[in-house]
Protein backbone atom coordinates (compact mmCIF):
# COMPACT_ATOMS: atom_id res chain seq x y z
CA MET A 1 -21.94 7.69 -7.37
CA SER A 2 -23.03 4.76 -9.48
CA ASP A 3 -23.44 1.32 -7.95
CA ILE A 4 -20.46 0.04 -9.94
CA ARG A 5 -18.25 2.85 -8.63
CA THR A 6 -19.47 2.18 -5.09
CA GLU A 7 -18.58 -1.50 -5.51
CA ASP A 8 -15.21 -0.62 -7.05
CA GLU A 9 -14.40 1.77 -4.21
CA ALA A 10 -15.34 -0.89 -1.63
CA ALA A 11 -13.16 -3.46 -3.42
CA ILE A 12 -10.19 -1.07 -3.44
CA GLN A 13 -10.68 -0.33 0.28
CA ALA A 14 -10.75 -4.08 0.96
CA VAL A 15 -7.46 -4.59 -0.92
CA LEU A 16 -5.82 -1.87 1.15
CA ALA A 17 -7.27 -3.22 4.42
CA ASP A 18 -6.03 -6.74 3.62
CA SER A 19 -2.56 -5.39 2.80
CA TYR A 20 -2.42 -3.43 6.08
CA LYS A 21 -3.56 -6.51 8.07
CA ALA A 22 -0.90 -8.66 6.40
CA TRP A 23 1.73 -6.04 7.28
CA GLU A 24 0.64 -6.12 10.92
CA ALA A 25 0.92 -9.94 10.86
CA GLY A 26 4.42 -9.72 9.33
CA ASP A 27 3.10 -11.66 6.33
CA ALA A 28 5.01 -10.58 3.20
CA ASP A 29 3.12 -13.02 0.96
CA GLY A 30 -0.22 -11.70 2.17
CA MET A 31 0.93 -8.11 1.84
CA VAL A 32 1.63 -8.51 -1.88
CA ALA A 33 -1.22 -10.95 -2.63
CA SER A 34 -3.15 -8.21 -4.45
CA TYR A 35 -0.16 -6.75 -6.30
CA THR A 36 0.22 -7.30 -10.03
CA ALA A 37 3.24 -9.46 -10.97
CA ASP A 38 4.81 -6.38 -12.62
CA ALA A 39 3.99 -4.00 -9.75
CA THR A 40 6.51 -1.37 -8.77
CA ALA A 41 7.22 0.25 -5.42
CA ILE A 42 9.25 3.43 -5.22
CA LEU A 43 10.45 4.61 -1.84
CA PRO A 44 13.18 7.17 -1.13
CA GLY A 45 16.38 5.64 -2.47
CA SER A 46 14.70 2.42 -3.64
CA LEU A 47 12.98 1.02 -6.73
CA ARG A 48 11.41 -2.40 -6.36
CA GLY A 49 10.51 -3.57 -9.85
CA SER A 50 8.18 -6.55 -9.32
CA ARG A 51 5.82 -8.19 -6.83
CA ASP A 52 8.51 -10.79 -6.07
CA VAL A 53 11.13 -8.13 -5.29
CA ILE A 54 8.65 -6.21 -3.12
CA ARG A 55 7.75 -9.44 -1.30
CA ASP A 56 11.39 -10.43 -0.73
CA ASN A 57 12.27 -6.96 0.61
CA MET A 58 9.27 -6.98 2.96
CA ALA A 59 10.03 -10.51 4.21
CA LEU A 60 13.55 -9.39 5.17
CA ALA A 61 12.22 -6.22 6.80
CA PHE A 62 9.56 -8.13 8.78
CA GLU A 63 12.31 -10.37 10.18
CA GLY A 64 14.51 -7.38 10.98
CA PRO A 65 13.78 -3.68 11.50
CA LEU A 66 10.01 -3.94 10.86
CA LYS A 67 9.39 -6.94 13.13
CA GLY A 68 6.25 -6.26 15.16
CA SER A 69 5.42 -3.09 13.23
CA SER A 70 2.12 -1.89 11.82
CA THR A 71 1.05 1.04 9.67
CA TYR A 72 -0.88 4.26 10.09
CA ASN A 73 -2.91 5.20 7.01
CA LYS A 74 -5.17 8.17 6.45
CA GLN A 75 -6.75 8.16 2.99
CA LEU A 76 -6.81 11.64 1.48
CA SER A 77 -8.45 10.84 -1.85
CA LEU A 78 -9.54 8.12 -4.24
CA ARG A 79 -10.21 8.92 -7.88
CA PHE A 80 -10.91 6.78 -10.89
CA VAL A 81 -8.97 7.11 -14.13
CA GLY A 82 -11.17 5.56 -16.76
CA ARG A 83 -12.99 2.32 -16.00
CA GLU A 84 -10.10 0.13 -14.92
CA ALA A 85 -7.68 2.37 -13.04
CA ALA A 86 -7.78 4.29 -9.79
CA ILE A 87 -5.39 6.37 -7.71
CA VAL A 88 -5.44 6.51 -3.92
CA VAL A 89 -3.48 9.21 -2.09
CA SER A 90 -2.82 8.76 1.61
CA GLU A 91 -0.77 10.01 4.51
CA SER A 92 0.98 6.99 5.97
CA GLY A 93 3.67 5.92 8.35
CA ILE A 94 5.20 2.92 10.05
CA LEU A 95 4.44 2.27 13.70
CA LEU A 96 7.43 0.41 15.06
CA ALA A 97 6.86 -2.22 17.75
CA GLY A 98 5.54 -0.53 20.88
CA GLU A 99 4.71 2.81 19.26
CA THR A 100 1.21 4.27 19.39
CA GLU A 101 1.87 7.28 17.13
CA VAL A 102 4.04 7.80 14.05
CA PRO A 103 6.56 10.60 14.63
CA GLU A 104 5.96 13.48 12.19
CA ALA A 105 9.45 12.95 10.73
CA ARG A 106 8.44 9.43 9.58
CA LYS A 107 5.11 10.31 7.96
CA VAL A 108 4.93 10.00 4.18
CA ASN A 109 2.57 10.96 1.39
CA ALA A 110 1.78 7.84 -0.59
CA THR A 111 0.26 7.17 -3.99
CA TRP A 112 -1.31 3.80 -4.82
CA VAL A 113 -2.15 3.01 -8.45
CA PHE A 114 -4.82 0.35 -8.92
CA GLU A 115 -5.67 -1.59 -12.04
CA LYS A 116 -8.77 -3.71 -12.57
CA ARG A 117 -7.73 -7.00 -14.20
CA GLU A 118 -10.31 -9.66 -14.97
CA GLY A 119 -12.76 -8.04 -12.57
CA GLN A 120 -10.32 -7.79 -9.66
CA TRP A 121 -8.69 -4.61 -8.34
CA LEU A 122 -4.92 -5.01 -7.95
CA ILE A 123 -2.11 -2.72 -6.85
CA ALA A 124 0.01 -1.88 -9.90
CA ALA A 125 2.27 0.73 -8.31
CA TYR A 126 3.08 2.36 -5.00
CA HIS A 127 5.20 5.43 -4.30
CA ASN A 128 5.88 7.44 -1.19
CA SER A 129 7.89 10.46 -0.15
CA PRO A 130 8.39 12.15 3.21
CA VAL A 131 5.83 14.72 4.38
CA ARG A 132 7.73 17.98 4.67
CA ALA A 133 6.63 21.58 5.00
């Protein structure tokens, strides 16, 4: 792998790690800090059409059902699409307060789309769907 790709991969991993840490802290602003303004998030039954909408939804969730939660994330792949785009696929899930494992029924397959803007990797889109046999 070229040095640039190694640096790009490390930068993408850092964006994800920062987002996961912000989630654990219940920090909606921090969670979306590396999202593009026009980012989208698609979850079962929900389309969130901008960073602000994603942030507002997460802020409400962190004060309610997701208070004290964290996430489980197992990266399955990372591939580059051209020079300024990348796709990360992961198995993920939400650990509710007090849980140490995500129940199988709550695990999802997730796709993260990254875009490099002005030298910085940002999340442009996120989508998940339940893991089912």
